[in-house]
């Protein structure tokens, strides 16, 4: 895992102006801090394959919250099934 996942998993709205500024400077569309959390949570689960670890890292009290939060991709499922 790289610094992106570690750095952005826990965020607050107070960081929104800074993130918007960084996105503008980098020519990247700003979509909000919550979207960044979703991205980080999804990436963490894809890289480590451990939903419980992602839940702890994101500060969720329940894995059910993390399941809703994480965006699963059909490509990841196809790859996993294809390896059987």
C-alpha atoms as a PDB file:
ATOM      1  CA  UNK A   1       0.000   0.000   0.000  1.00  0.00           C
ATOM      2  CA  UNK A   2       1.204   3.454  -0.718  1.00  0.00           C
ATOM      3  CA  UNK A   3       0.852   6.755   1.113  1.00  0.00           C
ATOM      4  CA  UNK A   4      -2.374   7.645  -0.681  1.00  0.00           C
ATOM      5  CA  UNK A   5      -4.366   4.976   1.109  1.00  0.00           C
ATOM      6  CA  UNK A   6      -2.792   5.679   4.490  1.00  0.00           C
ATOM      7  CA  UNK A   7      -3.073   9.454   4.200  1.00  0.00           C
ATOM      8  CA  UNK A   8      -6.648   9.811   3.040  1.00  0.00           C
ATOM      9  CA  UNK A   9      -8.624   7.159   4.865  1.00  0.00           C
ATOM     10  CA  UNK A  10      -9.515   9.469   7.717  1.00  0.00           C
ATOM     11  CA  UNK A  11     -10.546  12.858   6.508  1.00  0.00           C
ATOM     12  CA  UNK A  12     -12.642  15.784   7.628  1.00  0.00           C
ATOM     13  CA  UNK A  13     -14.550  18.525   5.903  1.00  0.00           C
ATOM     14  CA  UNK A  14     -11.970  20.996   7.218  1.00  0.00           C
ATOM     15  CA  UNK A  15      -9.595  19.584   4.649  1.00  0.00           C
ATOM     16  CA  UNK A  16     -11.951  20.208   1.719  1.00  0.00           C
ATOM     17  CA  UNK A  17     -10.543  23.621   0.741  1.00  0.00           C
ATOM     18  CA  UNK A  18      -6.986  22.260   0.749  1.00  0.00           C
ATOM     19  CA  UNK A  19      -7.981  19.215  -1.281  1.00  0.00           C
ATOM     20  CA  UNK A  20      -9.898  21.390  -3.769  1.00  0.00           C
ATOM     21  CA  UNK A  21      -6.818  23.588  -4.140  1.00  0.00           C
ATOM     22  CA  UNK A  22      -4.534  20.594  -4.717  1.00  0.00           C
ATOM     23  CA  UNK A  23      -6.921  19.173  -7.311  1.00  0.00           C
ATOM     24  CA  UNK A  24      -7.068  22.502  -9.144  1.00  0.00           C
ATOM     25  CA  UNK A  25      -3.277  22.775  -9.125  1.00  0.00           C
ATOM     26  CA  UNK A  26      -2.975  19.235 -10.486  1.00  0.00           C
ATOM     27  CA  UNK A  27      -5.686  19.647 -13.100  1.00  0.00           C
ATOM     28  CA  UNK A  28      -7.856  16.990 -11.448  1.00  0.00           C
ATOM     29  CA  UNK A  29     -11.605  17.366 -11.011  1.00  0.00           C
ATOM     30  CA  UNK A  30     -12.485  17.915  -7.342  1.00  0.00           C
ATOM     31  CA  UNK A  31     -15.223  15.540  -6.195  1.00  0.00           C
ATOM     32  CA  UNK A  32     -15.081  16.023  -2.445  1.00  0.00           C
ATOM     33  CA  UNK A  33     -13.476  14.508   0.607  1.00  0.00           C
ATOM     34  CA  UNK A  34     -16.101  11.787   0.990  1.00  0.00           C
ATOM     35  CA  UNK A  35     -15.415  10.552  -2.536  1.00  0.00           C
ATOM     36  CA  UNK A  36     -11.744  10.364  -1.632  1.00  0.00           C
ATOM     37  CA  UNK A  37     -12.626   8.214   1.406  1.00  0.00           C
ATOM     38  CA  UNK A  38     -14.606   5.875  -0.855  1.00  0.00           C
ATOM     39  CA  UNK A  39     -11.668   5.630  -3.229  1.00  0.00           C
ATOM     40  CA  UNK A  40      -9.232   4.903  -0.405  1.00  0.00           C
ATOM     41  CA  UNK A  41     -11.484   2.317   1.204  1.00  0.00           C
ATOM     42  CA  UNK A  42     -12.059   0.567  -2.110  1.00  0.00           C
ATOM     43  CA  UNK A  43      -8.359   0.582  -2.923  1.00  0.00           C
ATOM     44  CA  UNK A  44      -7.429  -0.721   0.509  1.00  0.00           C
ATOM     45  CA  UNK A  45      -9.809  -3.677   0.200  1.00  0.00           C
ATOM     46  CA  UNK A  46      -8.610  -4.436  -3.323  1.00  0.00           C
ATOM     47  CA  UNK A  47      -4.950  -4.368  -2.281  1.00  0.00           C
ATOM     48  CA  UNK A  48      -5.171  -6.241   1.002  1.00  0.00           C
ATOM     49  CA  UNK A  49      -8.354  -8.261   0.470  1.00  0.00           C
ATOM     50  CA  UNK A  50      -9.326  -7.794   4.112  1.00  0.00           C
ATOM     51  CA  UNK A  51     -12.662  -6.073   4.736  1.00  0.00           C
ATOM     52  CA  UNK A  52     -12.154  -6.105   8.512  1.00  0.00           C
ATOM     53  CA  UNK A  53      -8.815  -4.304   8.206  1.00  0.00           C
ATOM     54  CA  UNK A  54     -10.406  -1.697   5.965  1.00  0.00           C
ATOM     55  CA  UNK A  55     -13.240  -1.213   8.469  1.00  0.00           C
ATOM     56  CA  UNK A  56     -10.758  -0.592  11.292  1.00  0.00           C
ATOM     57  CA  UNK A  57      -8.677   1.763   9.161  1.00  0.00           C
ATOM     58  CA  UNK A  58     -11.725   3.776   8.098  1.00  0.00           C
ATOM     59  CA  UNK A  59     -12.974   3.926  11.687  1.00  0.00           C
ATOM     60  CA  UNK A  60     -16.186   1.989  11.028  1.00  0.00           C
ATOM     61  CA  UNK A  61     -17.757   0.291  14.033  1.00  0.00           C
ATOM     62  CA  UNK A  62     -19.314  -2.363  11.805  1.00  0.00           C
ATOM     63  CA  UNK A  63     -18.152  -4.250   8.727  1.00  0.00           C
ATOM     64  CA  UNK A  64     -21.690  -3.744   7.401  1.00  0.00           C
ATOM     65  CA  UNK A  65     -20.889  -0.064   6.999  1.00  0.00           C
ATOM     66  CA  UNK A  66     -17.706  -0.881   5.135  1.00  0.00           C
ATOM     67  CA  UNK A  67     -19.532  -3.278   2.810  1.00  0.00           C
ATOM     68  CA  UNK A  68     -21.887  -0.480   1.793  1.00  0.00           C
ATOM     69  CA  UNK A  69     -19.017   1.971   1.547  1.00  0.00           C
ATOM     70  CA  UNK A  70     -16.735  -0.069  -0.687  1.00  0.00           C
ATOM     71  CA  UNK A  71     -17.385  -0.066  -4.403  1.00  0.00           C
ATOM     72  CA  UNK A  72     -16.914  -3.525  -5.800  1.00  0.00           C
ATOM     73  CA  UNK A  73     -15.983  -3.921  -9.421  1.00  0.00           C
ATOM     74  CA  UNK A  74     -17.094  -6.652 -11.781  1.00  0.00           C
ATOM     75  CA  UNK A  75     -13.519  -6.815 -13.064  1.00  0.00           C
ATOM     76  CA  UNK A  76     -12.213  -7.732  -9.616  1.00  0.00           C
ATOM     77  CA  UNK A  77     -14.860 -10.415  -9.270  1.00  0.00           C
ATOM     78  CA  UNK A  78     -14.082 -11.843 -12.716  1.00  0.00           C
ATOM     79  CA  UNK A  79     -10.391 -11.963 -11.864  1.00  0.00           C
ATOM     80  CA  UNK A  80     -11.000 -13.677  -8.515  1.00  0.00           C
ATOM     81  CA  UNK A  81     -13.336 -16.266 -10.004  1.00  0.00           C
ATOM     82  CA  UNK A  82     -11.037 -16.805 -12.974  1.00  0.00           C
ATOM     83  CA  UNK A  83      -8.195 -17.791 -10.617  1.00  0.00           C
ATOM     84  CA  UNK A  84     -10.151 -20.755  -9.213  1.00  0.00           C
END
